[in-house]
Structures are given as C-alpha cells and as structure tokens.
Amino acid sequence: MILEHSAKPAEDLEDVRKIRFFFRGDTDVVPCLVSWEALDRLEGGKAADRAERLNRFEKHRSAIEVAARRKFDASEREVVVEASDVLQAAREG
C-alpha cells in the first residue's frame, strides 16, 4: 500500500503521551503515533504544552513520516514511531 500525506490535523493524546497523525492509504486513512519522547529528543528538551508539541511535530513531520512509512512497510500494523526511529530518519535526511 502506498501511503500519502494526509491533510487531517494531528491530535495530541495526553493519556498515552503521543501525537496521532494520519496517512491516506489506497482505500482508507491510516493512523500513526509518534511519542512525545521522540519530539523531546529532536528538540533537546521537554515541550511546555500541547501547542509546543504540535509545533514540534509539524517542524519534524517529514522525518517522522519517513520513519512511519518504514515501519508500515516492515508490516507493522500499528505504527508507533519512537525516538530512535525519528532520529535515524532525521540523520539520513
């Protein structure tokens, strides 16, 4: 399945400390998660609030999406992007 960027806005999920974002698949929307820890490690410190977390997500969205696509392609049904995934994708450009 080919995953395309979705215009659906990201959601901050405080109860699980992750940001949910979406791809458009061939026939449906594919939800993915990125941990707050991943965003914090990319920026070198904790985000102060929801707005800052969402801004960090948008700033690093390209690398996060690369990491999510890799995990999806590796047949992981529920895609949860962790800090190591994003840092690797960011290093590779």
C-alpha atoms as a PDB file:
ATOM      1  CA  MET A   1       0.000   0.000   0.000  1.00  0.00           C
ATOM      2  CA  ILE A   2       1.245   3.465  -0.847  1.00  0.00           C
ATOM      3  CA  LEU A   3       0.902   5.993   1.962  1.00  0.00           C
ATOM      4  CA  GLU A   4       0.382   9.647   1.141  1.00  0.00           C
ATOM      5  CA  HIS A   5       0.466  12.679   3.415  1.00  0.00           C
ATOM      6  CA  SER A   6      -2.953  13.435   4.900  1.00  0.00           C
ATOM      7  CA  ALA A   7      -4.259  16.945   5.481  1.00  0.00           C
ATOM      8  CA  LYS A   8      -6.169  15.670   8.519  1.00  0.00           C
ATOM      9  CA  PRO A   9      -4.760  17.556  11.535  1.00  0.00           C
ATOM     10  CA  ALA A  10      -2.575  15.825  14.097  1.00  0.00           C
ATOM     11  CA  GLU A  11      -4.004  15.152  17.560  1.00  0.00           C
ATOM     12  CA  ASP A  12      -2.217  15.416  20.911  1.00  0.00           C
ATOM     13  CA  LEU A  13      -3.137  12.390  23.066  1.00  0.00           C
ATOM     14  CA  GLU A  14      -2.211  13.290  26.626  1.00  0.00           C
ATOM     15  CA  ASP A  15      -3.385   9.977  28.107  1.00  0.00           C
ATOM     16  CA  VAL A  16      -0.779   7.996  26.116  1.00  0.00           C
ATOM     17  CA  ARG A  17       1.793  10.794  25.639  1.00  0.00           C
ATOM     18  CA  LYS A  18       1.764  10.559  21.849  1.00  0.00           C
ATOM     19  CA  ILE A  19       0.744  12.574  18.800  1.00  0.00           C
ATOM     20  CA  ARG A  20      -1.636  10.818  16.387  1.00  0.00           C
ATOM     21  CA  PHE A  21      -1.218  11.685  12.715  1.00  0.00           C
ATOM     22  CA  PHE A  22      -2.601  10.202   9.547  1.00  0.00           C
ATOM     23  CA  PHE A  23      -1.701   8.969   6.077  1.00  0.00           C
ATOM     24  CA  ARG A  24      -4.057   8.378   3.192  1.00  0.00           C
ATOM     25  CA  GLY A  25      -3.768   4.781   2.059  1.00  0.00           C
ATOM     26  CA  ASP A  26      -5.129   3.151  -1.088  1.00  0.00           C
ATOM     27  CA  THR A  27      -8.632   2.860   0.307  1.00  0.00           C
ATOM     28  CA  ASP A  28      -8.579   4.287   3.814  1.00  0.00           C
ATOM     29  CA  VAL A  29      -6.923   6.545   6.360  1.00  0.00           C
ATOM     30  CA  VAL A  30      -4.004   5.014   8.282  1.00  0.00           C
ATOM     31  CA  PRO A  31      -3.484   6.368  11.811  1.00  0.00           C
ATOM     32  CA  CYS A  32       0.051   6.506  13.215  1.00  0.00           C
ATOM     33  CA  LEU A  33       1.526   7.645  16.518  1.00  0.00           C
ATOM     34  CA  VAL A  34       4.754   9.413  17.455  1.00  0.00           C
ATOM     35  CA  SER A  35       5.867   9.520  21.072  1.00  0.00           C
ATOM     36  CA  TRP A  36       6.320  12.748  22.971  1.00  0.00           C
ATOM     37  CA  GLU A  37       9.787  11.422  23.838  1.00  0.00           C
ATOM     38  CA  ALA A  38      10.713  11.397  20.145  1.00  0.00           C
ATOM     39  CA  LEU A  39       9.704  15.038  19.801  1.00  0.00           C
ATOM     40  CA  ASP A  40      11.535  15.967  23.003  1.00  0.00           C
ATOM     41  CA  ARG A  41      14.738  14.254  21.850  1.00  0.00           C
ATOM     42  CA  LEU A  42      14.617  16.002  18.492  1.00  0.00           C
ATOM     43  CA  GLU A  43      14.426  19.364  20.250  1.00  0.00           C
ATOM     44  CA  GLY A  44      16.694  18.572  23.209  1.00  0.00           C
ATOM     45  CA  GLY A  45      14.117  19.143  25.960  1.00  0.00           C
ATOM     46  CA  LYS A  46      10.520  18.722  27.032  1.00  0.00           C
ATOM     47  CA  ALA A  47       7.746  20.682  25.361  1.00  0.00           C
ATOM     48  CA  ALA A  48       5.963  23.117  27.659  1.00  0.00           C
ATOM     49  CA  ASP A  49       2.442  22.418  26.411  1.00  0.00           C
ATOM     50  CA  ARG A  50       0.165  20.969  23.750  1.00  0.00           C
ATOM     51  CA  ALA A  51       0.793  23.819  21.300  1.00  0.00           C
ATOM     52  CA  GLU A  52       4.555  23.359  21.515  1.00  0.00           C
ATOM     53  CA  ARG A  53       4.246  19.572  20.999  1.00  0.00           C
ATOM     54  CA  LEU A  54       2.129  20.093  17.878  1.00  0.00           C
ATOM     55  CA  ASN A  55       4.571  22.725  16.577  1.00  0.00           C
ATOM     56  CA  ARG A  56       7.450  20.299  17.101  1.00  0.00           C
ATOM     57  CA  PHE A  57       5.509  17.620  15.256  1.00  0.00           C
ATOM     58  CA  GLU A  58       4.964  19.929  12.266  1.00  0.00           C
ATOM     59  CA  LYS A  59       8.614  21.049  12.311  1.00  0.00           C
ATOM     60  CA  HIS A  60       9.845  17.443  12.128  1.00  0.00           C
ATOM     61  CA  ARG A  61       6.929  15.957  10.226  1.00  0.00           C
ATOM     62  CA  SER A  62       8.996  14.932   7.197  1.00  0.00           C
ATOM     63  CA  ALA A  63      11.397  12.787   9.243  1.00  0.00           C
ATOM     64  CA  ILE A  64       8.523  11.404  11.329  1.00  0.00           C
ATOM     65  CA  GLU A  65       6.631  10.399   8.181  1.00  0.00           C
ATOM     66  CA  VAL A  66       9.737   8.729   6.725  1.00  0.00           C
ATOM     67  CA  ALA A  67      10.110   6.691   9.926  1.00  0.00           C
ATOM     68  CA  ALA A  68       6.396   5.807   9.943  1.00  0.00           C
ATOM     69  CA  ARG A  69       6.473   4.649   6.309  1.00  0.00           C
ATOM     70  CA  ARG A  70       9.468   2.415   7.055  1.00  0.00           C
ATOM     71  CA  LYS A  71       7.681   0.820   9.990  1.00  0.00           C
ATOM     72  CA  PHE A  72       4.499   0.362   7.963  1.00  0.00           C
ATOM     73  CA  ASP A  73       6.465  -1.183   5.080  1.00  0.00           C
ATOM     74  CA  ALA A  74       8.015  -3.601   7.578  1.00  0.00           C
ATOM     75  CA  SER A  75       4.479  -4.954   8.080  1.00  0.00           C
ATOM     76  CA  GLU A  76       3.876  -3.348  11.433  1.00  0.00           C
ATOM     77  CA  ARG A  77       0.112  -2.947  11.588  1.00  0.00           C
ATOM     78  CA  GLU A  78       0.008  -0.365  14.356  1.00  0.00           C
ATOM     79  CA  VAL A  79       2.658   2.195  13.543  1.00  0.00           C
ATOM     80  CA  VAL A  80       4.178   3.799  16.637  1.00  0.00           C
ATOM     81  CA  VAL A  81       7.203   5.945  15.857  1.00  0.00           C
ATOM     82  CA  GLU A  82       9.684   6.143  18.729  1.00  0.00           C
ATOM     83  CA  ALA A  83      12.628   8.461  19.284  1.00  0.00           C
ATOM     84  CA  SER A  84      15.175   6.099  17.709  1.00  0.00           C
ATOM     85  CA  ASP A  85      13.083   5.811  14.525  1.00  0.00           C
ATOM     86  CA  VAL A  86      12.833   9.573  14.062  1.00  0.00           C
ATOM     87  CA  LEU A  87      16.463  10.250  14.927  1.00  0.00           C
ATOM     88  CA  GLN A  88      17.579   7.700  12.344  1.00  0.00           C
ATOM     89  CA  ALA A  89      15.300   9.180   9.670  1.00  0.00           C
ATOM     90  CA  ALA A  90      16.450  12.729  10.507  1.00  0.00           C
ATOM     91  CA  ARG A  91      20.136  11.715  10.236  1.00  0.00           C
ATOM     92  CA  GLU A  92      19.540  10.107   6.857  1.00  0.00           C
ATOM     93  CA  GLY A  93      17.872  13.251   5.545  1.00  0.00           C
END
